[in-house]
Amino acid sequence: MYLVISPLRVGFVVDEFSDGDPELRARRAVSFGGNAAAYAEERPDYPVAAVRWALEPVADRRPLRVLDLAAGTGKLTGVLLRSGVDVANLVAVEPDPAMLAELRRRLPQVRAVEGAAERIPLGDGTVDAVVVGQAMHWFDLDRALPEIHRVLADGGVLAGLWNTDDDRVPWVAEMRRVSRSGVPSVGDGLKPLDLGEWFPGFERADFPHAQRRTAESMAATVGTHSRVLVLDDAERAAVMARLLGYLRATPETEGEFDLPIVTLTVRARRAG
């Protein structure tokens, strides 16, 4: 999931794989549930600073009602709680039953319900903020944006967060190259992120982040990416063996190390 800004700022773009195989994209979108426990264990969370920035336009509302949309296993949900969002005013919505079950197991105090961005099981104007972690690129935005607009109160905020490996670091760039496969990866099918009439403008901020890893846990993290999950057994095994070999032979990834991450964050106010 990769976003970039062009020099002309047309260029906030999200990798939607839209120019590729629609069947493959659909398989990638639903590939996470079969690996929900690994996703919860191995994926990074999000910086508290990024979450607080996302919520800043509505931070003075009392109560502050927040929807974590496409919440997965609760990686962002937990950070919302640590950022000061009251559990009584937080709801998580997730379409995949296995991911939802993992969220409920890990965060039983959070109200977590089945639903999707295109079909949100909440009433009109019932939340002040909708936050989306690592998932907006999977939405059918033509259907999701009016739904998000509907559940947001006047002046409410929509925010998206994406963790991206910082490939300005040479060993990270090489790790990305080594782990390539026959399935499209970062940069394929890039399209402008258009929030349309519902959210006519947005702001962006980037936040440094890191995840403590070993060679084995770094490979396990890569193994939760959709581009790896949809490979056949032989190709997946070859990719993982190649990646582990690289990590074990690289001085920067000896023992425990920090994976450098940039958390790309956007926010936009609901159009009146």
Protein backbone atom coordinates (compact mmCIF):
# COMPACT_ATOMS: atom_id res chain seq x y z
CA MET A 1 0.00 0.00 0.00
CA TYR A 2 1.89 2.99 -1.21
CA LEU A 3 1.09 6.65 -1.46
CA VAL A 4 3.16 9.42 -2.96
CA ILE A 5 2.84 13.15 -3.53
CA SER A 6 3.77 14.55 -6.92
CA PRO A 7 5.46 17.95 -7.17
CA LEU A 8 2.13 19.36 -8.40
CA ARG A 9 0.13 17.83 -5.51
CA VAL A 10 -2.18 16.09 -7.94
CA GLY A 11 -0.29 13.16 -6.81
CA PHE A 12 -1.59 11.80 -3.57
CA VAL A 13 -2.05 8.36 -4.99
CA VAL A 14 -3.02 5.02 -3.59
CA ASP A 15 -2.08 1.62 -4.95
CA GLU A 16 -5.45 0.21 -5.92
CA PHE A 17 -4.07 -2.42 -8.33
CA SER A 18 -6.86 -1.13 -10.54
CA ASP A 19 -5.00 -1.57 -13.79
CA GLY A 20 -4.31 -5.23 -13.09
CA ASP A 21 -6.37 -8.39 -12.84
CA PRO A 22 -9.72 -7.71 -11.07
CA GLU A 23 -9.91 -11.32 -9.92
CA LEU A 24 -6.46 -11.10 -8.37
CA ARG A 25 -7.34 -7.83 -6.67
CA ALA A 26 -10.46 -9.44 -5.20
CA ARG A 27 -8.42 -12.38 -3.92
CA ARG A 28 -5.94 -10.01 -2.31
CA ALA A 29 -8.71 -8.05 -0.63
CA VAL A 30 -10.06 -11.13 1.15
CA SER A 31 -6.74 -12.89 1.78
CA PHE A 32 -6.15 -11.62 5.31
CA GLY A 33 -8.84 -13.52 7.23
CA GLY A 34 -7.15 -16.89 6.86
CA ASN A 35 -4.11 -15.41 8.59
CA ALA A 36 -5.82 -13.19 11.15
CA ALA A 37 -3.72 -14.30 14.13
CA ALA A 38 -0.46 -13.75 12.24
CA TYR A 39 -1.71 -10.34 11.03
CA ALA A 40 -2.46 -9.30 14.61
CA GLU A 41 0.89 -10.57 15.85
CA GLU A 42 3.20 -9.36 13.09
CA ARG A 43 1.81 -6.14 11.61
CA PRO A 44 2.98 -2.81 13.11
CA ASP A 45 0.64 -0.52 14.98
CA TYR A 46 0.46 3.25 14.37
CA PRO A 47 2.12 6.26 16.03
CA VAL A 48 -0.01 7.95 18.67
CA ALA A 49 1.09 11.29 17.18
CA ALA A 50 -0.42 10.36 13.80
CA VAL A 51 -3.73 9.37 15.38
CA ARG A 52 -3.92 12.55 17.43
CA TRP A 53 -3.19 14.64 14.32
CA ALA A 54 -5.92 12.78 12.44
CA LEU A 55 -8.45 13.57 15.15
CA GLU A 56 -7.26 17.13 15.83
CA PRO A 57 -10.08 18.89 13.90
CA VAL A 58 -12.69 17.34 16.21
CA ALA A 59 -10.62 16.80 19.35
CA ASP A 60 -12.64 19.34 21.35
CA ARG A 61 -15.94 17.47 20.92
CA ARG A 62 -17.40 15.89 24.03
CA PRO A 63 -18.05 13.10 23.72
CA LEU A 64 -15.75 12.39 20.79
CA ARG A 65 -17.40 9.55 18.88
CA VAL A 66 -15.00 7.57 16.70
CA LEU A 67 -15.50 4.81 14.13
CA ASP A 68 -12.55 2.58 13.24
CA LEU A 69 -13.65 1.44 9.79
CA ALA A 70 -12.24 -1.77 8.28
CA ALA A 71 -10.64 -2.27 11.68
CA GLY A 72 -9.09 -5.65 10.92
CA THR A 73 -7.65 -7.22 14.05
CA GLY A 74 -7.63 -3.91 15.91
CA LYS A 75 -4.13 -2.58 15.20
CA LEU A 76 -5.48 0.98 14.95
CA THR A 77 -8.26 0.40 17.49
CA GLY A 78 -5.74 -0.16 20.26
CA VAL A 79 -3.85 3.01 19.38
CA LEU A 80 -7.09 5.00 19.44
CA LEU A 81 -7.60 3.84 23.02
CA ARG A 82 -4.01 4.75 23.94
CA SER A 83 -4.56 8.15 22.31
CA GLY A 84 -7.34 8.96 24.74
CA VAL A 85 -10.47 7.93 22.86
CA ASP A 86 -13.05 6.73 25.38
CA VAL A 87 -13.92 3.08 24.82
CA ALA A 88 -17.59 3.95 25.43
CA ASN A 89 -17.54 6.18 22.33
CA LEU A 90 -15.50 3.93 20.04
CA VAL A 91 -16.89 1.40 17.59
CA ALA A 92 -14.94 -0.88 15.26
CA VAL A 93 -16.47 -2.17 12.02
CA GLU A 94 -14.86 -5.02 10.06
CA PRO A 95 -16.23 -7.17 7.19
CA ASP A 96 -14.08 -10.29 7.59
CA PRO A 97 -15.41 -12.67 10.29
CA ALA A 98 -11.98 -14.08 11.18
CA MET A 99 -10.39 -10.65 11.50
CA LEU A 100 -13.37 -9.47 13.54
CA ALA A 101 -13.09 -12.47 15.86
CA GLU A 102 -9.41 -11.73 16.44
CA LEU A 103 -10.23 -8.09 17.22
CA ARG A 104 -12.86 -9.16 19.73
CA ARG A 105 -10.45 -11.61 21.34
CA ARG A 106 -7.71 -9.02 21.75
CA LEU A 107 -9.91 -6.03 22.63
CA PRO A 108 -13.03 -7.47 24.26
CA GLN A 109 -13.91 -4.10 25.81
CA VAL A 110 -14.46 -2.49 22.38
CA ARG A 111 -17.80 -2.60 20.59
CA ALA A 112 -16.93 -4.45 17.37
CA VAL A 113 -19.53 -5.20 14.70
CA GLU A 114 -19.58 -6.73 11.25
CA GLY A 115 -19.96 -4.31 8.38
CA ALA A 116 -18.13 -2.73 5.46
CA ALA A 117 -17.19 0.72 4.22
CA GLU A 118 -19.87 0.43 1.57
CA ARG A 119 -22.46 -0.67 4.14
CA ILE A 120 -21.80 0.86 7.56
CA PRO A 121 -24.15 -0.45 10.28
CA LEU A 122 -24.52 2.92 12.04
CA GLY A 123 -27.11 5.67 11.94
CA ASP A 124 -26.86 9.03 10.23
CA GLY A 125 -24.55 11.56 11.91
CA THR A 126 -23.61 9.21 14.75
CA VAL A 127 -19.82 9.69 14.77
CA ASP A 128 -17.45 12.64 14.75
CA ALA A 129 -14.51 10.85 13.14
CA VAL A 130 -14.03 7.90 10.81
CA VAL A 131 -10.48 6.53 10.82
CA VAL A 132 -9.17 3.89 8.43
CA GLY A 133 -5.90 2.04 8.97
CA GLN A 134 -4.19 0.38 6.00
CA ALA A 135 -7.49 -0.29 4.22
CA MET A 136 -8.91 2.65 2.24
CA HIS A 137 -7.26 1.40 -0.95
CA TRP A 138 -9.53 -1.67 -0.80
CA PHE A 139 -12.75 0.39 -0.67
CA ASP A 140 -15.14 0.94 -3.54
CA LEU A 141 -14.88 4.69 -2.99
CA ASP A 142 -17.90 5.50 -5.15
CA ARG A 143 -20.02 3.64 -2.61
CA ALA A 144 -17.93 4.10 0.54
CA LEU A 145 -17.54 7.88 0.53
CA PRO A 146 -21.28 8.68 0.63
CA GLU A 147 -21.68 6.09 3.40
CA ILE A 148 -18.87 7.64 5.43
CA HIS A 149 -20.35 11.08 4.80
CA ARG A 150 -23.73 9.78 6.01
CA VAL A 151 -22.52 8.46 9.38
CA LEU A 152 -20.38 11.53 10.11
CA ALA A 153 -21.81 14.46 12.03
CA ASP A 154 -21.53 17.96 10.55
CA GLY A 155 -17.89 19.00 10.41
CA GLY A 156 -16.72 15.48 11.13
CA VAL A 157 -13.39 14.18 9.89
CA LEU A 158 -12.35 11.25 7.70
CA ALA A 159 -8.76 10.11 8.20
CA GLY A 160 -6.66 7.41 6.56
CA LEU A 161 -3.36 6.01 7.83
CA TRP A 162 -0.87 3.84 5.95
CA ASN A 163 2.33 2.35 7.33
CA THR A 164 4.98 2.19 4.60
CA ASP A 165 8.46 0.72 4.93
CA ASP A 166 10.95 3.57 4.56
CA ASP A 167 12.71 2.48 1.40
CA ARG A 168 14.94 5.55 1.45
CA VAL A 169 17.00 3.30 3.74
CA PRO A 170 19.17 1.12 1.46
CA TRP A 171 18.67 -2.21 3.24
CA VAL A 172 14.89 -1.68 3.24
CA ALA A 173 14.88 -0.93 -0.50
CA GLU A 174 16.88 -4.10 -1.12
CA MET A 175 14.53 -6.12 1.10
CA ARG A 176 11.64 -4.96 -1.06
CA ARG A 177 13.48 -5.99 -4.21
CA VAL A 178 14.42 -9.40 -2.81
CA SER A 179 10.83 -10.16 -1.76
CA ARG A 180 9.25 -9.43 -5.15
CA SER A 181 7.16 -12.10 -6.78
CA GLY A 182 4.89 -12.56 -9.76
CA VAL A 183 2.12 -10.63 -8.00
CA PRO A 184 2.17 -6.84 -8.49
CA SER A 185 3.75 -4.88 -5.68
CA VAL A 186 4.22 -1.28 -4.66
CA GLY A 187 3.76 1.25 -7.41
CA ASP A 188 1.61 -0.86 -9.70
CA GLY A 189 -1.75 0.61 -10.68
CA LEU A 190 -1.22 3.94 -8.96
CA LYS A 191 -4.24 6.22 -9.18
CA PRO A 192 -5.09 9.60 -7.66
CA LEU A 193 -6.99 9.43 -4.39
CA ASP A 194 -10.16 11.37 -5.12
CA LEU A 195 -12.46 12.12 -2.18
CA GLY A 196 -14.85 13.93 -4.48
CA GLU A 197 -17.72 16.15 -3.43
CA TRP A 198 -18.07 14.39 -0.08
CA PHE A 199 -14.62 15.40 1.20
CA PRO A 200 -13.43 18.07 -1.23
CA GLY A 201 -9.98 18.70 0.24
CA PHE A 202 -7.52 16.93 2.46
CA GLU A 203 -4.36 17.53 4.42
CA ARG A 204 -1.43 15.15 4.71
CA ALA A 205 1.24 14.64 7.37
CA ASP A 206 3.93 11.96 7.61
CA PHE A 207 5.08 10.50 10.92
CA PRO A 208 8.21 8.49 11.67
CA HIS A 209 7.53 5.09 13.16
CA ALA A 210 9.41 1.85 13.77
CA GLN A 211 8.80 -1.79 14.56
CA ARG A 212 11.24 -3.97 16.50
CA ARG A 213 11.97 -7.05 14.41
CA THR A 214 14.30 -10.00 13.91
CA ALA A 215 15.01 -11.65 10.58
CA GLU A 216 12.35 -14.23 11.33
CA SER A 217 9.68 -11.80 12.52
CA MET A 218 10.43 -9.42 9.63
CA ALA A 219 9.83 -12.26 7.21
CA ALA A 220 6.65 -13.13 9.10
CA THR A 221 5.45 -9.54 8.66
CA VAL A 222 6.08 -9.65 4.92
CA GLY A 223 4.24 -12.96 4.90
CA THR A 224 1.05 -11.19 5.99
CA HIS A 225 1.05 -8.93 2.89
CA SER A 226 -1.64 -9.74 0.37
CA ARG A 227 0.87 -10.02 -2.47
CA VAL A 228 2.45 -12.95 -0.60
CA LEU A 229 -0.73 -14.50 0.80
CA VAL A 230 -2.17 -15.13 -2.67
CA LEU A 231 0.91 -16.93 -4.02
CA ASP A 232 0.84 -20.65 -4.51
CA ASP A 233 2.73 -22.70 -1.92
CA ALA A 234 5.86 -23.16 -3.99
CA GLU A 235 6.28 -19.51 -4.94
CA ARG A 236 5.49 -18.34 -1.41
CA ALA A 237 8.11 -20.68 0.00
CA ALA A 238 10.68 -19.46 -2.54
CA VAL A 239 9.97 -15.79 -1.74
CA MET A 240 10.20 -16.38 2.01
CA ALA A 241 13.42 -18.41 1.72
CA ARG A 242 15.00 -15.70 -0.44
CA LEU A 243 13.91 -12.99 1.99
CA LEU A 244 15.15 -14.85 5.07
CA GLY A 245 18.48 -15.52 3.39
CA TYR A 246 18.89 -11.82 2.66
CA LEU A 247 17.92 -10.71 6.17
CA ARG A 248 20.19 -13.22 7.89
CA ALA A 249 23.14 -12.15 5.75
CA THR A 250 22.65 -8.39 6.16
CA PRO A 251 24.55 -6.62 8.98
CA GLU A 252 21.75 -4.11 9.61
CA THR A 253 19.28 -6.91 10.32
CA GLU A 254 21.44 -9.04 12.59
CA GLY A 255 19.74 -9.89 15.89
CA GLU A 256 17.02 -7.42 16.85
CA PHE A 257 16.65 -4.29 14.75
CA ASP A 258 14.17 -1.50 14.05
CA LEU A 259 12.27 -1.55 10.78
CA PRO A 260 12.01 2.15 9.81
CA ILE A 261 8.45 3.09 8.86
CA VAL A 262 6.78 6.25 7.61
CA THR A 263 3.12 6.52 8.57
CA LEU A 264 1.35 8.51 5.87
CA THR A 265 -1.74 10.19 7.27
CA VAL A 266 -4.48 12.17 5.56
CA ARG A 267 -7.54 13.92 6.96
CA ALA A 268 -10.49 15.73 5.42
CA ARG A 269 -13.56 17.43 6.84
CA ARG A 270 -17.03 16.35 5.86
CA ALA A 271 -18.56 18.62 3.25
CA GLY A 272 -21.65 20.41 4.57
